[in-house]
Amino acid sequence: MKSSAIYSPYTALTLKTVGVVMIVSSLLDFIILAIPFNPLRTDWQIGFVTQLVDRGIIPMVGIALLVVGHWIANASGASPAEPRSAVQDLRFWAFILASLLGLIFLVLVPLHFNNIRMQSNQALEQISKKASTLETQLDNQSKQVDALVKDPQKLSELDKAIASGQVQGEQLARLQALKQQLQSFKQDPQTLNQQVEQAQTKIRSERLAAEKQTRTGALKLGLRTGLNSLLLAIGYIVIGWTGFRSLGNSR
């Protein structure tokens, strides 16, 4: 009993101090996370909300330590006289903060899901545009190659350029490879169509893979942050309102 009487006030004071420090430091951290402040940018909102939710449990732990420290002080008889009003009680402000954070995290749930949806749609649109551009380029290149194959004058000019000796090194190797390729296309026109179809299949498969990866990433990020934000909102609201009720009953 004597040991309990000695250490209970110290334990209560330690828990209260740690709780206050955790609350204040986490609020300062939230402010720093918002720098630079660009609330109109979707990517900034997603990054800020994600980091905010990841650190959202810290103030809750601080509030819990503060309440437990106050309870230990009361149980050990080391607590000072009750303040004359609730405003003078540190727990009152902690419960206000809990209610406010609960409301904020609740609002962040639909906001985050909407931002993720918008970002995902933009990424899917960019993927679609990139694939369409590649297919257009492929179509133009196939038409140019087909025109070369059907134009004897162009093939003759290519032969003259190779035979002239003015082209050397890597450029000569490219012209020789082009000549062999054109000759193979001329002998078997289906070869060009097959290569074009293979290239189109590759572009489309890469597009589908990129779209699947984008949707999966958006779903995982949305669920992870959104559900955690909802859980934090419920926890803070419960702490806040039950805390106010306990303060009212104790008074």
C-alpha atoms as a PDB file:
ATOM      1  CA  MET A   1       0.000   0.000   0.000  1.00  0.00           C
ATOM      2  CA  LYS A   2       2.852   2.380   0.838  1.00  0.00           C
ATOM      3  CA  SER A   3       4.560   1.640  -2.433  1.00  0.00           C
ATOM      4  CA  SER A   4       1.294   2.267  -4.266  1.00  0.00           C
ATOM      5  CA  ALA A   5       0.840   5.595  -2.487  1.00  0.00           C
ATOM      6  CA  ILE A   6       4.327   6.684  -3.513  1.00  0.00           C
ATOM      7  CA  TYR A   7       4.272   5.656  -7.147  1.00  0.00           C
ATOM      8  CA  SER A   8       0.669   6.358  -8.129  1.00  0.00           C
ATOM      9  CA  PRO A   9       1.033  10.175  -8.252  1.00  0.00           C
ATOM     10  CA  TYR A  10       4.235   9.804 -10.275  1.00  0.00           C
ATOM     11  CA  THR A  11       2.560   7.332 -12.644  1.00  0.00           C
ATOM     12  CA  ALA A  12      -0.430   9.622 -13.104  1.00  0.00           C
ATOM     13  CA  LEU A  13       1.775  12.648 -13.780  1.00  0.00           C
ATOM     14  CA  THR A  14       3.915  10.659 -16.235  1.00  0.00           C
ATOM     15  CA  LEU A  15       0.901   9.431 -18.186  1.00  0.00           C
ATOM     16  CA  LYS A  16      -0.591  12.922 -18.333  1.00  0.00           C
ATOM     17  CA  THR A  17       2.695  14.436 -19.489  1.00  0.00           C
ATOM     18  CA  VAL A  18       3.278  11.818 -22.170  1.00  0.00           C
ATOM     19  CA  GLY A  19      -0.318  12.169 -23.330  1.00  0.00           C
ATOM     20  CA  VAL A  20      -0.084  15.948 -23.690  1.00  0.00           C
ATOM     21  CA  VAL A  21       3.269  15.713 -25.481  1.00  0.00           C
ATOM     22  CA  MET A  22       1.900  13.147 -27.942  1.00  0.00           C
ATOM     23  CA  ILE A  23      -1.169  15.269 -28.663  1.00  0.00           C
ATOM     24  CA  VAL A  24       0.747  18.505 -29.192  1.00  0.00           C
ATOM     25  CA  SER A  25       3.528  16.920 -31.248  1.00  0.00           C
ATOM     26  CA  SER A  26       1.035  15.117 -33.494  1.00  0.00           C
ATOM     27  CA  LEU A  27      -0.893  18.358 -34.120  1.00  0.00           C
ATOM     28  CA  LEU A  28       2.359  20.097 -35.041  1.00  0.00           C
ATOM     29  CA  ASP A  29       3.160  17.174 -37.327  1.00  0.00           C
ATOM     30  CA  PHE A  30      -0.222  17.563 -39.044  1.00  0.00           C
ATOM     31  CA  ILE A  31       0.520  21.236 -39.699  1.00  0.00           C
ATOM     32  CA  ILE A  32       3.967  20.465 -41.117  1.00  0.00           C
ATOM     33  CA  LEU A  33       2.503  17.772 -43.390  1.00  0.00           C
ATOM     34  CA  ALA A  34       0.315  20.414 -45.023  1.00  0.00           C
ATOM     35  CA  ILE A  35       3.381  22.395 -46.196  1.00  0.00           C
ATOM     36  CA  PRO A  36       3.468  23.349 -49.063  1.00  0.00           C
ATOM     37  CA  PHE A  37      -0.256  24.056 -48.917  1.00  0.00           C
ATOM     38  CA  ASN A  38      -1.897  23.203 -52.262  1.00  0.00           C
ATOM     39  CA  PRO A  39      -5.451  22.115 -51.404  1.00  0.00           C
ATOM     40  CA  LEU A  40      -6.719  22.541 -54.969  1.00  0.00           C
ATOM     41  CA  ARG A  41      -4.422  19.833 -56.336  1.00  0.00           C
ATOM     42  CA  THR A  42      -5.794  16.299 -56.272  1.00  0.00           C
ATOM     43  CA  ASP A  43      -2.384  14.654 -55.822  1.00  0.00           C
ATOM     44  CA  TRP A  44      -1.627  16.954 -52.850  1.00  0.00           C
ATOM     45  CA  GLN A  45      -4.950  16.049 -51.219  1.00  0.00           C
ATOM     46  CA  ILE A  46      -4.325  12.324 -51.679  1.00  0.00           C
ATOM     47  CA  GLY A  47      -0.792  12.531 -50.264  1.00  0.00           C
ATOM     48  CA  PHE A  48      -1.832  14.706 -47.322  1.00  0.00           C
ATOM     49  CA  VAL A  49      -4.856  12.579 -46.398  1.00  0.00           C
ATOM     50  CA  THR A  50      -2.825   9.360 -46.638  1.00  0.00           C
ATOM     51  CA  GLN A  51      -0.119  10.675 -44.297  1.00  0.00           C
ATOM     52  CA  LEU A  52      -2.721  12.202 -41.983  1.00  0.00           C
ATOM     53  CA  VAL A  53      -4.545   8.892 -41.627  1.00  0.00           C
ATOM     54  CA  ASP A  54      -1.275   6.997 -41.137  1.00  0.00           C
ATOM     55  CA  ARG A  55      -0.492   9.248 -38.152  1.00  0.00           C
ATOM     56  CA  GLY A  56      -4.082   9.528 -36.951  1.00  0.00           C
ATOM     57  CA  ILE A  57      -3.715   7.010 -34.128  1.00  0.00           C
ATOM     58  CA  ILE A  58      -1.084   9.070 -32.277  1.00  0.00           C
ATOM     59  CA  PRO A  59      -3.443  11.748 -30.847  1.00  0.00           C
ATOM     60  CA  MET A  60      -5.866   8.974 -29.844  1.00  0.00           C
ATOM     61  CA  VAL A  61      -3.158   7.265 -27.806  1.00  0.00           C
ATOM     62  CA  GLY A  62      -2.236  10.614 -26.246  1.00  0.00           C
ATOM     63  CA  ILE A  63      -5.836  11.281 -25.245  1.00  0.00           C
ATOM     64  CA  ALA A  64      -6.099   7.774 -23.776  1.00  0.00           C
ATOM     65  CA  LEU A  65      -2.935   8.281 -21.713  1.00  0.00           C
ATOM     66  CA  LEU A  66      -4.217  11.629 -20.479  1.00  0.00           C
ATOM     67  CA  VAL A  67      -7.547  10.131 -19.368  1.00  0.00           C
ATOM     68  CA  VAL A  68      -5.891   7.116 -17.720  1.00  0.00           C
ATOM     69  CA  GLY A  69      -3.447   9.396 -15.907  1.00  0.00           C
ATOM     70  CA  HIS A  70      -6.323  11.475 -14.557  1.00  0.00           C
ATOM     71  CA  TRP A  71      -8.165   8.320 -13.466  1.00  0.00           C
ATOM     72  CA  ILE A  72      -5.079   7.001 -11.608  1.00  0.00           C
ATOM     73  CA  ALA A  73      -4.666  10.366  -9.895  1.00  0.00           C
ATOM     74  CA  ASN A  74      -8.270  10.257  -8.707  1.00  0.00           C
ATOM     75  CA  ALA A  75      -8.019   6.615  -7.602  1.00  0.00           C
ATOM     76  CA  SER A  76      -4.852   7.265  -5.600  1.00  0.00           C
ATOM     77  CA  GLY A  77      -6.278  10.384  -3.982  1.00  0.00           C
ATOM     78  CA  ALA A  78      -3.449  12.470  -5.428  1.00  0.00           C
ATOM     79  CA  SER A  79      -5.647  14.474  -7.753  1.00  0.00           C
ATOM     80  CA  PRO A  80      -6.065  18.154  -6.866  1.00  0.00           C
ATOM     81  CA  ALA A  81      -9.448  19.628  -6.210  1.00  0.00           C
ATOM     82  CA  GLU A  82     -11.878  19.489  -9.118  1.00  0.00           C
ATOM     83  CA  PRO A  83     -11.841  22.622 -11.322  1.00  0.00           C
ATOM     84  CA  ARG A  84     -14.758  24.928 -10.835  1.00  0.00           C
ATOM     85  CA  SER A  85     -15.823  24.570 -14.504  1.00  0.00           C
ATOM     86  CA  ALA A  86     -15.368  21.978 -17.239  1.00  0.00           C
ATOM     87  CA  VAL A  87     -13.348  24.478 -19.279  1.00  0.00           C
ATOM     88  CA  GLN A  88     -10.593  24.339 -16.661  1.00  0.00           C
ATOM     89  CA  ASP A  89     -10.389  20.542 -16.976  1.00  0.00           C
ATOM     90  CA  LEU A  90      -7.733  19.348 -19.429  1.00  0.00           C
ATOM     91  CA  ARG A  91      -9.893  16.376 -20.301  1.00  0.00           C
ATOM     92  CA  PHE A  92     -12.603  18.732 -21.610  1.00  0.00           C
ATOM     93  CA  TRP A  93     -10.270  20.075 -24.284  1.00  0.00           C
ATOM     94  CA  ALA A  94      -9.029  16.581 -25.074  1.00  0.00           C
ATOM     95  CA  PHE A  95     -12.609  15.427 -25.695  1.00  0.00           C
ATOM     96  CA  ILE A  96     -13.272  18.470 -27.875  1.00  0.00           C
ATOM     97  CA  LEU A  97     -10.193  17.603 -29.898  1.00  0.00           C
ATOM     98  CA  ALA A  98     -11.351  13.977 -30.173  1.00  0.00           C
ATOM     99  CA  SER A  99     -14.774  15.048 -31.452  1.00  0.00           C
ATOM    100  CA  LEU A 100     -13.215  17.460 -33.947  1.00  0.00           C
ATOM    101  CA  LEU A 101     -10.767  14.853 -35.241  1.00  0.00           C
ATOM    102  CA  GLY A 102     -13.609  12.345 -35.504  1.00  0.00           C
ATOM    103  CA  LEU A 103     -15.555  14.756 -37.695  1.00  0.00           C
ATOM    104  CA  ILE A 104     -12.480  15.494 -39.844  1.00  0.00           C
ATOM    105  CA  PHE A 105     -11.651  11.831 -40.426  1.00  0.00           C
ATOM    106  CA  LEU A 106     -15.294  11.134 -41.235  1.00  0.00           C
ATOM    107  CA  VAL A 107     -15.343  13.859 -43.897  1.00  0.00           C
ATOM    108  CA  LEU A 108     -12.047  12.598 -45.332  1.00  0.00           C
ATOM    109  CA  VAL A 109     -13.574   9.212 -46.224  1.00  0.00           C
ATOM    110  CA  PRO A 110     -15.756  10.328 -49.192  1.00  0.00           C
ATOM    111  CA  LEU A 111     -13.239  13.033 -50.138  1.00  0.00           C
ATOM    112  CA  HIS A 112     -10.413  10.509 -50.428  1.00  0.00           C
ATOM    113  CA  PHE A 113     -12.470   8.010 -52.441  1.00  0.00           C
ATOM    114  CA  ASN A 114     -13.484  10.760 -54.855  1.00  0.00           C
ATOM    115  CA  ASN A 115      -9.876  11.946 -55.277  1.00  0.00           C
ATOM    116  CA  ILE A 116      -8.702   8.396 -55.902  1.00  0.00           C
ATOM    117  CA  ARG A 117     -11.440   7.959 -58.512  1.00  0.00           C
ATOM    118  CA  MET A 118     -10.446  11.175 -60.276  1.00  0.00           C
ATOM    119  CA  GLN A 119      -6.745  10.312 -60.243  1.00  0.00           C
ATOM    120  CA  SER A 120      -7.471   6.806 -61.533  1.00  0.00           C
ATOM    121  CA  ASN A 121      -9.618   8.169 -64.377  1.00  0.00           C
ATOM    122  CA  GLN A 122      -6.854  10.581 -65.383  1.00  0.00           C
ATOM    123  CA  ALA A 123      -4.278   7.783 -65.393  1.00  0.00           C
ATOM    124  CA  LEU A 124      -6.567   5.540 -67.460  1.00  0.00           C
ATOM    125  CA  GLU A 125      -7.138   8.362 -69.922  1.00  0.00           C
ATOM    126  CA  GLN A 126      -3.385   8.879 -70.315  1.00  0.00           C
ATOM    127  CA  ILE A 127      -2.882   5.146 -70.869  1.00  0.00           C
ATOM    128  CA  SER A 128      -5.600   5.147 -73.532  1.00  0.00           C
ATOM    129  CA  LYS A 129      -4.098   8.171 -75.299  1.00  0.00           C
ATOM    130  CA  LYS A 130      -0.619   6.641 -75.262  1.00  0.00           C
ATOM    131  CA  ALA A 131      -1.894   3.362 -76.723  1.00  0.00           C
ATOM    132  CA  SER A 132      -3.879   5.203 -79.407  1.00  0.00           C
ATOM    133  CA  THR A 133      -0.778   7.231 -80.336  1.00  0.00           C
ATOM    134  CA  LEU A 134       1.335   4.082 -80.637  1.00  0.00           C
ATOM    135  CA  GLU A 135      -1.271   2.393 -82.814  1.00  0.00           C
ATOM    136  CA  THR A 136      -1.476   5.470 -85.050  1.00  0.00           C
ATOM    137  CA  GLN A 137       2.304   5.547 -85.408  1.00  0.00           C
ATOM    138  CA  LEU A 138       2.316   1.826 -86.193  1.00  0.00           C
ATOM    139  CA  ASP A 139      -0.363   2.276 -88.836  1.00  0.00           C
ATOM    140  CA  ASN A 140       1.544   5.144 -90.475  1.00  0.00           C
ATOM    141  CA  GLN A 141       4.797   3.181 -90.467  1.00  0.00           C
ATOM    142  CA  SER A 142       3.141   0.122 -91.996  1.00  0.00           C
ATOM    143  CA  LYS A 143       1.665   2.300 -94.761  1.00  0.00           C
ATOM    144  CA  GLN A 144       5.077   3.822 -95.453  1.00  0.00           C
ATOM    145  CA  VAL A 145       6.719   0.387 -95.624  1.00  0.00           C
ATOM    146  CA  ASP A 146       3.953  -0.897 -97.888  1.00  0.00           C
ATOM    147  CA  ALA A 147       4.448   2.103-100.172  1.00  0.00           C
ATOM    148  CA  LEU A 148       8.191   1.429-100.330  1.00  0.00           C
ATOM    149  CA  VAL A 149       7.625  -2.223-101.184  1.00  0.00           C
ATOM    150  CA  LYS A 150       5.290  -1.277-104.058  1.00  0.00           C
ATOM    151  CA  ASP A 151       7.530   1.509-105.410  1.00  0.00           C
ATOM    152  CA  PRO A 152      10.405   0.125-107.559  1.00  0.00           C
ATOM    153  CA  GLN A 153      11.972   3.578-107.807  1.00  0.00           C
ATOM    154  CA  LYS A 154      12.375   3.823-104.032  1.00  0.00           C
ATOM    155  CA  LEU A 155      13.958   0.375-103.908  1.00  0.00           C
ATOM    156  CA  SER A 156      16.326   1.361-106.708  1.00  0.00           C
ATOM    157  CA  GLU A 157      17.337   4.520-104.823  1.00  0.00           C
ATOM    158  CA  LEU A 158      18.004   2.417-101.735  1.00  0.00           C
ATOM    159  CA  ASP A 159      20.247   0.061-103.772  1.00  0.00           C
ATOM    160  CA  LYS A 160      22.159   3.000-105.203  1.00  0.00           C
ATOM    161  CA  ALA A 161      22.691   4.510-101.750  1.00  0.00           C
ATOM    162  CA  ILE A 162      24.125   1.241-100.462  1.00  0.00           C
ATOM    163  CA  ALA A 163      26.297   0.674-103.533  1.00  0.00           C
ATOM    164  CA  SER A 164      27.615   4.249-103.662  1.00  0.00           C
ATOM    165  CA  GLY A 165      29.969   3.723-100.726  1.00  0.00           C
ATOM    166  CA  GLN A 166      29.033   7.110 -99.272  1.00  0.00           C
ATOM    167  CA  VAL A 167      27.177   5.476 -96.392  1.00  0.00           C
ATOM    168  CA  GLN A 168      29.346   3.732 -93.826  1.00  0.00           C
ATOM    169  CA  GLY A 169      29.170   2.132 -90.398  1.00  0.00           C
ATOM    170  CA  GLU A 170      25.957   1.909 -88.470  1.00  0.00           C
ATOM    171  CA  GLN A 171      23.932   3.815 -91.057  1.00  0.00           C
ATOM    172  CA  LEU A 172      24.992   1.363 -93.779  1.00  0.00           C
ATOM    173  CA  ALA A 173      24.000  -1.582 -91.580  1.00  0.00           C
ATOM    174  CA  ARG A 174      20.558  -0.058 -91.055  1.00  0.00           C
ATOM    175  CA  LEU A 175      20.053   0.465 -94.806  1.00  0.00           C
ATOM    176  CA  GLN A 176      21.108  -3.108 -95.561  1.00  0.00           C
ATOM    177  CA  ALA A 177      18.751  -4.458 -92.904  1.00  0.00           C
ATOM    178  CA  LEU A 178      15.950  -2.288 -94.322  1.00  0.00           C
ATOM    179  CA  LYS A 179      16.648  -3.601 -97.829  1.00  0.00           C
ATOM    180  CA  GLN A 180      16.486  -7.227 -96.671  1.00  0.00           C
ATOM    181  CA  GLN A 181      13.287  -6.546 -94.781  1.00  0.00           C
ATOM    182  CA  LEU A 182      11.662  -4.841 -97.778  1.00  0.00           C
ATOM    183  CA  GLN A 183      12.667  -7.719-100.019  1.00  0.00           C
ATOM    184  CA  SER A 184      11.116 -10.224 -97.621  1.00  0.00           C
ATOM    185  CA  PHE A 185       7.910  -8.143 -97.515  1.00  0.00           C
ATOM    186  CA  LYS A 186       7.879  -7.997-101.321  1.00  0.00           C
ATOM    187  CA  GLN A 187       8.265 -11.753-101.619  1.00  0.00           C
ATOM    188  CA  ASP A 188       5.666 -12.453 -98.920  1.00  0.00           C
ATOM    189  CA  PRO A 189       3.220  -9.526 -98.357  1.00  0.00           C
ATOM    190  CA  GLN A 190       1.581 -11.406 -95.481  1.00  0.00           C
ATOM    191  CA  THR A 191       4.758 -11.040 -93.408  1.00  0.00           C
ATOM    192  CA  LEU A 192       4.170  -7.305 -93.029  1.00  0.00           C
ATOM    193  CA  ASN A 193       0.565  -7.844 -91.950  1.00  0.00           C
ATOM    194  CA  GLN A 194       1.631 -10.455 -89.412  1.00  0.00           C
ATOM    195  CA  GLN A 195       4.248  -8.160 -87.880  1.00  0.00           C
ATOM    196  CA  VAL A 196       1.749  -5.300 -87.712  1.00  0.00           C
ATOM    197  CA  GLU A 197      -0.794  -7.563 -86.006  1.00  0.00           C
ATOM    198  CA  GLN A 198       1.814  -8.756 -83.509  1.00  0.00           C
ATOM    199  CA  ALA A 199       2.785  -5.172 -82.697  1.00  0.00           C
ATOM    200  CA  GLN A 200      -0.890  -4.215 -82.270  1.00  0.00           C
ATOM    201  CA  THR A 201      -1.460  -7.193 -79.971  1.00  0.00           C
ATOM    202  CA  LYS A 202       1.532  -6.188 -77.868  1.00  0.00           C
ATOM    203  CA  ILE A 203       0.315  -2.581 -77.564  1.00  0.00           C
ATOM    204  CA  ARG A 204      -3.164  -3.679 -76.542  1.00  0.00           C
ATOM    205  CA  SER A 205      -1.928  -6.248 -74.029  1.00  0.00           C
ATOM    206  CA  GLU A 206       0.365  -3.668 -72.430  1.00  0.00           C
ATOM    207  CA  ARG A 207      -2.554  -1.252 -72.313  1.00  0.00           C
ATOM    208  CA  LEU A 208      -4.767  -3.807 -70.549  1.00  0.00           C
ATOM    209  CA  ALA A 209      -1.981  -4.628 -68.073  1.00  0.00           C
ATOM    210  CA  ALA A 210      -1.392  -0.947 -67.307  1.00  0.00           C
ATOM    211  CA  GLU A 211      -5.129  -0.334 -66.834  1.00  0.00           C
ATOM    212  CA  LYS A 212      -5.429  -3.342 -64.510  1.00  0.00           C
ATOM    213  CA  GLN A 213      -2.430  -2.195 -62.453  1.00  0.00           C
ATOM    214  CA  THR A 214      -3.855   1.334 -62.200  1.00  0.00           C
ATOM    215  CA  ARG A 215      -7.289   0.119 -61.072  1.00  0.00           C
ATOM    216  CA  THR A 216      -5.796  -2.310 -58.550  1.00  0.00           C
ATOM    217  CA  GLY A 217      -3.493   0.333 -57.083  1.00  0.00           C
ATOM    218  CA  ALA A 218      -6.349   2.829 -56.812  1.00  0.00           C
ATOM    219  CA  LEU A 219      -8.595   0.263 -55.129  1.00  0.00           C
ATOM    220  CA  LYS A 220      -5.932  -0.737 -52.588  1.00  0.00           C
ATOM    221  CA  LEU A 221      -5.047   2.863 -51.743  1.00  0.00           C
ATOM    222  CA  GLY A 222      -8.696   3.889 -51.511  1.00  0.00           C
ATOM    223  CA  LEU A 223      -9.696   1.010 -49.254  1.00  0.00           C
ATOM    224  CA  ARG A 224      -6.615   1.209 -47.034  1.00  0.00           C
ATOM    225  CA  THR A 225      -6.821   4.923 -46.336  1.00  0.00           C
ATOM    226  CA  GLY A 226     -10.606   5.206 -46.524  1.00  0.00           C
ATOM    227  CA  LEU A 227     -11.368   2.368 -44.106  1.00  0.00           C
ATOM    228  CA  ASN A 228      -8.638   3.446 -41.684  1.00  0.00           C
ATOM    229  CA  SER A 229     -10.043   6.971 -41.744  1.00  0.00           C
ATOM    230  CA  LEU A 230     -13.519   5.606 -41.011  1.00  0.00           C
ATOM    231  CA  LEU A 231     -12.212   3.550 -38.073  1.00  0.00           C
ATOM    232  CA  LEU A 232     -10.377   6.575 -36.689  1.00  0.00           C
ATOM    233  CA  ALA A 233     -13.522   8.676 -37.045  1.00  0.00           C
ATOM    234  CA  ILE A 234     -15.567   6.128 -35.086  1.00  0.00           C
ATOM    235  CA  GLY A 235     -12.910   5.852 -32.394  1.00  0.00           C
ATOM    236  CA  TYR A 236     -12.525   9.602 -31.901  1.00  0.00           C
ATOM    237  CA  ILE A 237     -16.283  10.231 -31.880  1.00  0.00           C
ATOM    238  CA  VAL A 238     -16.818   7.492 -29.289  1.00  0.00           C
ATOM    239  CA  ILE A 239     -14.017   8.871 -27.110  1.00  0.00           C
ATOM    240  CA  GLY A 240     -15.286  12.431 -27.432  1.00  0.00           C
ATOM    241  CA  TRP A 241     -18.956  11.872 -26.691  1.00  0.00           C
ATOM    242  CA  THR A 242     -18.523   9.249 -23.986  1.00  0.00           C
ATOM    243  CA  GLY A 243     -15.909  11.522 -22.427  1.00  0.00           C
ATOM    244  CA  PHE A 244     -18.333  14.438 -22.301  1.00  0.00           C
ATOM    245  CA  ARG A 245     -20.957  12.182 -20.719  1.00  0.00           C
ATOM    246  CA  SER A 246     -18.499  11.003 -18.066  1.00  0.00           C
ATOM    247  CA  LEU A 247     -17.541  14.594 -17.295  1.00  0.00           C
ATOM    248  CA  GLY A 248     -21.205  15.518 -16.916  1.00  0.00           C
ATOM    249  CA  ASN A 249     -21.903  12.546 -14.642  1.00  0.00           C
ATOM    250  CA  SER A 250     -18.878  13.228 -12.468  1.00  0.00           C
ATOM    251  CA  ARG A 251     -20.032  16.779 -11.929  1.00  0.00           C
END
